[in-house]
Amino acid sequence: MPNTSIDQEQHLQFKWSIPLPSEQYLNYRIVIYFFSDGLWIPIKYCQLSKAIEIYRRAAFETAKELLVFPVDLDPNIF
């Protein structure tokens, strides 16, 4: 019988990730948001390709997480 607590611990060590979008979407206009004090704050409008670059730099340099949303979606509403 497998030890489920060890299996669960090993599973929790892996970060969940979303695959990068295909090349056809890299020029889409998006908004980069930062979450602070219970609100999503838009910090930059740019193309998705630039947002990916900014996200990687922010994760490496500041250990902060940025989220990307389409321009017509306001995460403060849902």
C-alpha atoms as a PDB file:
ATOM      1  CA  MET A   1       0.000   0.000   0.000  1.00  0.00           C
ATOM      2  CA  PRO A   2       1.530   3.371  -1.026  1.00  0.00           C
ATOM      3  CA  ASN A   3       2.238   6.052   1.536  1.00  0.00           C
ATOM      4  CA  THR A   4      -0.106   8.857   0.432  1.00  0.00           C
ATOM      5  CA  SER A   5       1.378  11.505   2.744  1.00  0.00           C
ATOM      6  CA  ILE A   6       4.781  11.147   1.077  1.00  0.00           C
ATOM      7  CA  ASP A   7       3.152  11.176  -2.372  1.00  0.00           C
ATOM      8  CA  GLN A   8       1.280  14.378  -1.488  1.00  0.00           C
ATOM      9  CA  GLU A   9       4.428  16.061  -0.142  1.00  0.00           C
ATOM     10  CA  GLN A  10       6.339  15.230  -3.310  1.00  0.00           C
ATOM     11  CA  HIS A  11       3.463  16.533  -5.432  1.00  0.00           C
ATOM     12  CA  LEU A  12       3.383  19.849  -3.535  1.00  0.00           C
ATOM     13  CA  GLN A  13       7.031  20.532  -4.313  1.00  0.00           C
ATOM     14  CA  PHE A  14       6.286  21.072  -8.006  1.00  0.00           C
ATOM     15  CA  LYS A  15       5.084  24.482  -9.180  1.00  0.00           C
ATOM     16  CA  TRP A  16       2.022  24.592 -11.373  1.00  0.00           C
ATOM     17  CA  SER A  17       2.678  26.312 -14.660  1.00  0.00           C
ATOM     18  CA  ILE A  18       0.861  27.376 -17.778  1.00  0.00           C
ATOM     19  CA  PRO A  19       2.553  26.694 -21.103  1.00  0.00           C
ATOM     20  CA  LEU A  20       3.691  29.721 -23.062  1.00  0.00           C
ATOM     21  CA  PRO A  21       1.296  30.818 -25.805  1.00  0.00           C
ATOM     22  CA  SER A  22       1.978  29.920 -29.395  1.00  0.00           C
ATOM     23  CA  GLU A  23       3.796  32.413 -31.581  1.00  0.00           C
ATOM     24  CA  GLN A  24       0.583  33.676 -33.195  1.00  0.00           C
ATOM     25  CA  TYR A  25      -0.456  35.346 -29.911  1.00  0.00           C
ATOM     26  CA  LEU A  26       2.820  37.084 -29.057  1.00  0.00           C
ATOM     27  CA  ASN A  27       1.736  40.429 -30.562  1.00  0.00           C
ATOM     28  CA  TYR A  28      -1.574  40.580 -28.662  1.00  0.00           C
ATOM     29  CA  ARG A  29      -1.974  43.658 -26.456  1.00  0.00           C
ATOM     30  CA  ILE A  30      -2.286  42.826 -22.763  1.00  0.00           C
ATOM     31  CA  VAL A  31      -2.091  44.446 -19.325  1.00  0.00           C
ATOM     32  CA  ILE A  32       0.349  43.426 -16.597  1.00  0.00           C
ATOM     33  CA  TYR A  33      -1.172  43.574 -13.115  1.00  0.00           C
ATOM     34  CA  PHE A  34       0.307  43.464  -9.633  1.00  0.00           C
ATOM     35  CA  PHE A  35      -1.819  42.465  -6.614  1.00  0.00           C
ATOM     36  CA  SER A  36      -1.525  44.778  -3.613  1.00  0.00           C
ATOM     37  CA  ASP A  37      -3.770  45.491  -0.618  1.00  0.00           C
ATOM     38  CA  GLY A  38      -6.643  43.449  -2.069  1.00  0.00           C
ATOM     39  CA  LEU A  39      -6.656  45.181  -5.467  1.00  0.00           C
ATOM     40  CA  TRP A  40      -5.252  44.382  -8.890  1.00  0.00           C
ATOM     41  CA  ILE A  41      -3.163  47.355 -10.014  1.00  0.00           C
ATOM     42  CA  PRO A  42      -2.415  47.754 -13.742  1.00  0.00           C
ATOM     43  CA  ILE A  43       1.249  48.589 -14.158  1.00  0.00           C
ATOM     44  CA  LYS A  44       1.907  48.301 -17.891  1.00  0.00           C
ATOM     45  CA  TYR A  45       0.152  47.868 -21.240  1.00  0.00           C
ATOM     46  CA  CYS A  46       2.268  46.037 -23.805  1.00  0.00           C
ATOM     47  CA  GLN A  47       2.472  43.127 -26.242  1.00  0.00           C
ATOM     48  CA  LEU A  48       2.400  39.632 -24.808  1.00  0.00           C
ATOM     49  CA  SER A  49       5.974  38.945 -25.942  1.00  0.00           C
ATOM     50  CA  LYS A  50       7.212  41.947 -23.906  1.00  0.00           C
ATOM     51  CA  ALA A  51       5.069  40.878 -20.929  1.00  0.00           C
ATOM     52  CA  ILE A  52       6.720  37.455 -20.886  1.00  0.00           C
ATOM     53  CA  GLU A  53      10.138  39.138 -20.806  1.00  0.00           C
ATOM     54  CA  ILE A  54       9.056  41.493 -17.978  1.00  0.00           C
ATOM     55  CA  TYR A  55       7.511  38.615 -16.008  1.00  0.00           C
ATOM     56  CA  ARG A  56      10.723  36.578 -16.173  1.00  0.00           C
ATOM     57  CA  ARG A  57      12.844  39.558 -15.153  1.00  0.00           C
ATOM     58  CA  ALA A  58      10.550  40.430 -12.229  1.00  0.00           C
ATOM     59  CA  ALA A  59      10.464  36.826 -11.011  1.00  0.00           C
ATOM     60  CA  PHE A  60      14.260  36.608 -11.154  1.00  0.00           C
ATOM     61  CA  GLU A  61      15.150  40.039  -9.745  1.00  0.00           C
ATOM     62  CA  THR A  62      12.406  40.656  -7.186  1.00  0.00           C
ATOM     63  CA  ALA A  63      10.742  37.280  -6.522  1.00  0.00           C
ATOM     64  CA  LYS A  64       7.400  39.056  -7.117  1.00  0.00           C
ATOM     65  CA  GLU A  65       4.640  37.559  -9.208  1.00  0.00           C
ATOM     66  CA  LEU A  66       2.967  39.533 -11.972  1.00  0.00           C
ATOM     67  CA  LEU A  67      -0.187  38.409 -13.761  1.00  0.00           C
ATOM     68  CA  VAL A  68      -1.155  39.127 -17.347  1.00  0.00           C
ATOM     69  CA  PHE A  69      -4.728  39.782 -18.506  1.00  0.00           C
ATOM     70  CA  PRO A  70      -6.309  40.791 -21.819  1.00  0.00           C
ATOM     71  CA  VAL A  71      -6.856  44.544 -22.150  1.00  0.00           C
ATOM     72  CA  ASP A  72     -10.659  44.216 -21.963  1.00  0.00           C
ATOM     73  CA  LEU A  73     -10.640  42.191 -18.715  1.00  0.00           C
ATOM     74  CA  ASP A  74     -10.500  43.958 -15.347  1.00  0.00           C
ATOM     75  CA  PRO A  75      -9.641  41.410 -12.628  1.00  0.00           C
ATOM     76  CA  ASN A  76     -11.047  43.757  -9.973  1.00  0.00           C
ATOM     77  CA  ILE A  77     -14.566  43.086 -11.290  1.00  0.00           C
ATOM     78  CA  PHE A  78     -14.780  39.305 -10.894  1.00  0.00           C
END
